[in-house]
């Protein structure tokens, strides 16, 4: 199993919860009442999303470099970070 790290954007709009989006996985999002909760949920969301892609035989994208991540100018970005995910697969005999 490989470990990959994908960029995640932590955002906060006024009068809203914290949100996390993944530029490499449109539609994969998470949220939380605190930044910490949103990031924990982001890890779970990404792991589930990747597991389904692998199960369906879809190719995973190459992780975008953090410095290349562009946020939505209409949303207040707090941070760009990376979230690690272990890619499920069959164990290989050595």
N, C-alpha and C. Protein backbone atom coordinates (compact mmCIF):
# COMPACT_ATOMS: atom_id res chain seq x y z
N UNK A 1 0.85 -1.18 0.00
CA UNK A 1 0.00 0.00 0.00
C UNK A 1 0.89 1.24 0.00
N UNK A 2 0.53 2.17 -0.82
CA UNK A 2 1.29 3.41 -0.93
C UNK A 2 0.65 4.49 -0.08
N UNK A 3 1.46 5.42 0.37
CA UNK A 3 0.96 6.58 1.12
C UNK A 3 1.17 7.80 0.23
N UNK A 4 0.10 8.51 -0.05
CA UNK A 4 0.15 9.72 -0.86
C UNK A 4 -0.34 10.90 -0.04
N UNK A 5 0.13 12.09 -0.40
CA UNK A 5 -0.27 13.31 0.30
C UNK A 5 -0.84 14.28 -0.71
N UNK A 6 -2.10 14.65 -0.50
CA UNK A 6 -2.80 15.56 -1.40
C UNK A 6 -3.06 16.90 -0.72
N UNK A 7 -2.97 18.00 -1.48
CA UNK A 7 -3.25 19.31 -0.88
C UNK A 7 -4.71 19.44 -0.49
N UNK A 8 -4.92 20.15 0.60
CA UNK A 8 -6.26 20.43 1.10
C UNK A 8 -6.33 21.90 1.46
N UNK A 9 -7.44 22.53 1.13
CA UNK A 9 -7.63 23.95 1.44
C UNK A 9 -8.62 24.07 2.59
N UNK A 10 -8.16 24.68 3.67
CA UNK A 10 -9.01 24.94 4.83
C UNK A 10 -9.58 26.34 4.67
N UNK A 11 -10.91 26.44 4.68
CA UNK A 11 -11.58 27.71 4.43
C UNK A 11 -12.60 28.01 5.53
N UNK A 12 -12.90 29.29 5.66
CA UNK A 12 -13.92 29.71 6.64
C UNK A 12 -14.60 30.95 6.11
N UNK A 13 -15.89 30.84 5.91
CA UNK A 13 -16.69 32.00 5.52
C UNK A 13 -17.37 32.54 6.77
N UNK A 14 -17.67 33.83 6.80
CA UNK A 14 -18.37 34.38 7.97
C UNK A 14 -19.68 33.63 8.22
N UNK A 15 -19.98 33.43 9.48
CA UNK A 15 -21.23 32.76 9.89
C UNK A 15 -21.37 31.35 9.30
N UNK A 16 -20.27 30.64 9.17
CA UNK A 16 -20.30 29.30 8.61
C UNK A 16 -19.28 28.43 9.34
N UNK A 17 -19.39 27.12 9.12
CA UNK A 17 -18.42 26.19 9.69
C UNK A 17 -17.14 26.23 8.85
N UNK A 18 -16.10 25.57 9.34
CA UNK A 18 -14.86 25.43 8.59
C UNK A 18 -15.09 24.38 7.50
N UNK A 19 -14.51 24.60 6.35
CA UNK A 19 -14.64 23.65 5.26
C UNK A 19 -13.27 23.27 4.72
N UNK A 20 -13.17 22.08 4.19
CA UNK A 20 -11.95 21.61 3.54
C UNK A 20 -12.31 21.08 2.17
N UNK A 21 -11.57 21.52 1.16
CA UNK A 21 -11.74 21.02 -0.19
C UNK A 21 -10.42 20.46 -0.69
N UNK A 22 -10.51 19.57 -1.67
CA UNK A 22 -9.33 18.94 -2.26
C UNK A 22 -9.29 19.29 -3.74
N UNK A 23 -8.33 20.12 -4.17
CA UNK A 23 -8.27 20.50 -5.58
C UNK A 23 -8.14 19.31 -6.54
N UNK A 24 -7.52 18.23 -6.09
CA UNK A 24 -7.34 17.06 -6.95
C UNK A 24 -8.56 16.15 -7.00
N UNK A 25 -9.52 16.39 -6.11
CA UNK A 25 -10.72 15.55 -6.02
C UNK A 25 -11.97 16.43 -5.93
N UNK A 26 -12.42 16.99 -7.05
CA UNK A 26 -13.63 17.81 -7.01
C UNK A 26 -14.79 17.00 -6.42
N UNK A 27 -15.51 17.61 -5.53
CA UNK A 27 -16.63 16.93 -4.90
C UNK A 27 -16.29 16.26 -3.59
N UNK A 28 -15.01 16.10 -3.30
CA UNK A 28 -14.59 15.52 -2.02
C UNK A 28 -14.37 16.69 -1.06
N UNK A 29 -15.25 16.81 -0.08
CA UNK A 29 -15.21 17.94 0.85
C UNK A 29 -15.46 17.44 2.27
N UNK A 30 -15.11 18.28 3.22
CA UNK A 30 -15.45 18.00 4.61
C UNK A 30 -15.71 19.32 5.31
N UNK A 31 -16.24 19.22 6.52
CA UNK A 31 -16.53 20.42 7.30
C UNK A 31 -16.45 20.08 8.77
N UNK A 32 -16.41 21.12 9.59
CA UNK A 32 -16.40 20.92 11.03
C UNK A 32 -16.59 22.25 11.74
N UNK A 33 -17.02 22.17 12.99
CA UNK A 33 -17.23 23.39 13.78
C UNK A 33 -15.91 24.07 14.13
N UNK A 34 -14.82 23.30 14.17
CA UNK A 34 -13.49 23.86 14.43
C UNK A 34 -12.58 23.46 13.28
N UNK A 35 -11.45 24.14 13.16
CA UNK A 35 -10.48 23.78 12.12
C UNK A 35 -10.00 22.35 12.32
N UNK A 36 -9.75 21.99 13.57
CA UNK A 36 -9.27 20.65 13.87
C UNK A 36 -10.28 19.58 13.45
N UNK A 37 -11.55 19.82 13.78
CA UNK A 37 -12.60 18.87 13.41
C UNK A 37 -12.71 18.75 11.89
N UNK A 38 -12.62 19.87 11.20
CA UNK A 38 -12.71 19.85 9.74
C UNK A 38 -11.56 19.05 9.13
N UNK A 39 -10.35 19.17 9.70
CA UNK A 39 -9.20 18.44 9.17
C UNK A 39 -9.28 16.94 9.48
N UNK A 40 -9.78 16.59 10.66
CA UNK A 40 -10.00 15.16 10.97
C UNK A 40 -11.02 14.59 9.99
N UNK A 41 -12.10 15.32 9.77
CA UNK A 41 -13.12 14.87 8.83
C UNK A 41 -12.58 14.81 7.40
N UNK A 42 -11.65 15.72 7.07
CA UNK A 42 -11.04 15.73 5.74
C UNK A 42 -10.26 14.44 5.50
N UNK A 43 -9.54 14.00 6.50
CA UNK A 43 -8.79 12.75 6.38
C UNK A 43 -9.74 11.59 6.09
N UNK A 44 -10.83 11.52 6.82
CA UNK A 44 -11.81 10.45 6.63
C UNK A 44 -12.48 10.54 5.25
N UNK A 45 -12.80 11.77 4.83
CA UNK A 45 -13.45 11.95 3.53
C UNK A 45 -12.51 11.53 2.40
N UNK A 46 -11.25 11.93 2.49
CA UNK A 46 -10.29 11.58 1.44
C UNK A 46 -10.04 10.08 1.41
N UNK A 47 -9.90 9.47 2.56
CA UNK A 47 -9.67 8.02 2.61
C UNK A 47 -10.84 7.26 1.97
N UNK A 48 -12.06 7.67 2.28
CA UNK A 48 -13.23 7.03 1.69
C UNK A 48 -13.32 7.25 0.19
N UNK A 49 -13.03 8.46 -0.24
CA UNK A 49 -13.09 8.81 -1.66
C UNK A 49 -12.07 7.98 -2.44
N UNK A 50 -10.84 7.92 -1.93
CA UNK A 50 -9.78 7.16 -2.60
C UNK A 50 -10.11 5.67 -2.63
N UNK A 51 -10.63 5.14 -1.53
CA UNK A 51 -10.99 3.72 -1.47
C UNK A 51 -12.03 3.38 -2.54
N UNK A 52 -13.02 4.25 -2.71
CA UNK A 52 -14.04 4.00 -3.73
C UNK A 52 -13.46 4.08 -5.14
N UNK A 53 -12.55 5.03 -5.36
CA UNK A 53 -11.92 5.13 -6.68
C UNK A 53 -11.13 3.87 -7.00
N UNK A 54 -10.36 3.39 -6.02
CA UNK A 54 -9.58 2.17 -6.22
C UNK A 54 -10.50 0.99 -6.47
N UNK A 55 -11.57 0.89 -5.69
CA UNK A 55 -12.54 -0.20 -5.85
C UNK A 55 -13.16 -0.20 -7.24
N UNK A 56 -13.40 1.01 -7.78
CA UNK A 56 -14.01 1.14 -9.10
C UNK A 56 -12.99 1.07 -10.23
N UNK A 57 -11.71 0.89 -9.89
CA UNK A 57 -10.67 0.79 -10.90
C UNK A 57 -10.26 2.11 -11.52
N UNK A 58 -10.60 3.21 -10.87
CA UNK A 58 -10.24 4.53 -11.38
C UNK A 58 -8.80 4.86 -11.00
N UNK A 59 -8.13 5.58 -11.88
CA UNK A 59 -6.76 6.02 -11.61
C UNK A 59 -6.79 7.23 -10.67
N UNK A 60 -5.87 7.25 -9.73
CA UNK A 60 -5.77 8.39 -8.83
C UNK A 60 -4.95 9.49 -9.50
N UNK A 61 -5.31 10.75 -9.26
CA UNK A 61 -4.53 11.83 -9.85
C UNK A 61 -3.18 11.96 -9.15
N UNK A 62 -2.24 12.56 -9.85
CA UNK A 62 -0.96 12.90 -9.24
C UNK A 62 -1.23 14.08 -8.31
N UNK A 63 -0.71 14.05 -7.08
CA UNK A 63 -0.95 15.17 -6.16
C UNK A 63 -0.42 16.50 -6.72
N UNK A 64 -1.23 17.53 -6.66
CA UNK A 64 -0.81 18.87 -7.05
C UNK A 64 0.15 19.40 -6.00
N UNK A 65 1.18 20.11 -6.43
CA UNK A 65 2.11 20.73 -5.48
C UNK A 65 1.38 21.81 -4.69
N UNK A 66 1.66 21.89 -3.40
CA UNK A 66 0.97 22.85 -2.54
C UNK A 66 1.10 24.27 -3.08
N UNK A 67 2.29 24.61 -3.58
CA UNK A 67 2.49 25.98 -4.07
C UNK A 67 1.69 26.27 -5.34
N UNK A 68 1.18 25.24 -5.99
CA UNK A 68 0.38 25.43 -7.20
C UNK A 68 -1.13 25.49 -6.93
N UNK A 69 -1.51 25.35 -5.68
CA UNK A 69 -2.94 25.35 -5.33
C UNK A 69 -3.47 26.77 -5.33
N UNK A 70 -4.55 26.97 -6.06
CA UNK A 70 -5.21 28.27 -6.09
C UNK A 70 -6.57 28.14 -5.42
N UNK A 71 -6.85 29.03 -4.50
CA UNK A 71 -8.13 29.00 -3.78
C UNK A 71 -9.15 29.89 -4.47
N UNK A 72 -10.39 29.65 -4.17
CA UNK A 72 -11.48 30.47 -4.67
C UNK A 72 -11.34 31.87 -4.08
N UNK A 73 -11.25 32.91 -4.90
CA UNK A 73 -11.07 34.26 -4.37
C UNK A 73 -12.27 34.77 -3.56
N UNK A 74 -13.42 34.12 -3.70
CA UNK A 74 -14.60 34.55 -2.96
C UNK A 74 -14.69 33.92 -1.57
N UNK A 75 -13.77 33.03 -1.24
CA UNK A 75 -13.79 32.34 0.04
C UNK A 75 -12.52 32.69 0.81
N UNK A 76 -12.67 32.91 2.10
CA UNK A 76 -11.52 33.24 2.92
C UNK A 76 -10.74 31.97 3.23
N UNK A 77 -9.57 31.87 2.59
CA UNK A 77 -8.72 30.71 2.81
C UNK A 77 -7.91 30.93 4.08
N UNK A 78 -7.89 29.93 4.94
CA UNK A 78 -7.11 30.01 6.16
C UNK A 78 -5.74 29.39 5.95
N UNK A 79 -5.70 28.24 5.30
CA UNK A 79 -4.43 27.55 5.11
C UNK A 79 -4.54 26.54 3.99
N UNK A 80 -3.39 26.23 3.41
CA UNK A 80 -3.27 25.11 2.50
C UNK A 80 -2.36 24.12 3.21
N UNK A 81 -2.80 22.90 3.32
CA UNK A 81 -2.03 21.86 3.99
C UNK A 81 -2.08 20.60 3.14
N UNK A 82 -1.52 19.53 3.63
CA UNK A 82 -1.63 18.26 2.94
C UNK A 82 -2.29 17.25 3.86
N UNK A 83 -3.03 16.33 3.27
CA UNK A 83 -3.67 15.26 4.01
C UNK A 83 -3.16 13.95 3.42
N UNK A 84 -2.64 13.10 4.29
CA UNK A 84 -2.12 11.81 3.84
C UNK A 84 -3.21 10.77 3.75
N UNK A 85 -3.04 9.88 2.79
CA UNK A 85 -3.99 8.78 2.62
C UNK A 85 -3.22 7.53 2.21
N UNK A 86 -3.56 6.43 2.82
CA UNK A 86 -2.98 5.15 2.43
C UNK A 86 -3.87 4.56 1.34
N UNK A 87 -3.27 4.30 0.20
CA UNK A 87 -4.02 3.78 -0.94
C UNK A 87 -4.21 2.28 -0.75
N UNK A 88 -5.46 1.84 -0.65
CA UNK A 88 -5.70 0.41 -0.45
C UNK A 88 -5.33 -0.38 -1.70
N UNK A 89 -4.91 -1.57 -1.47
CA UNK A 89 -4.56 -2.44 -2.58
C UNK A 89 -4.14 -3.78 -2.03
N UNK A 90 -3.80 -4.65 -2.91
CA UNK A 90 -3.36 -5.97 -2.49
C UNK A 90 -1.92 -5.90 -2.01
N UNK A 91 -1.63 -6.65 -0.97
CA UNK A 91 -0.26 -6.75 -0.49
C UNK A 91 0.56 -7.50 -1.53
N UNK A 92 1.78 -7.06 -1.74
CA UNK A 92 2.65 -7.70 -2.71
C UNK A 92 3.67 -8.56 -1.98
N UNK A 93 3.86 -9.75 -2.49
CA UNK A 93 4.88 -10.63 -1.91
C UNK A 93 6.24 -10.16 -2.36
N UNK A 94 7.17 -10.25 -1.44
CA UNK A 94 8.53 -9.83 -1.74
C UNK A 94 9.43 -11.03 -1.80
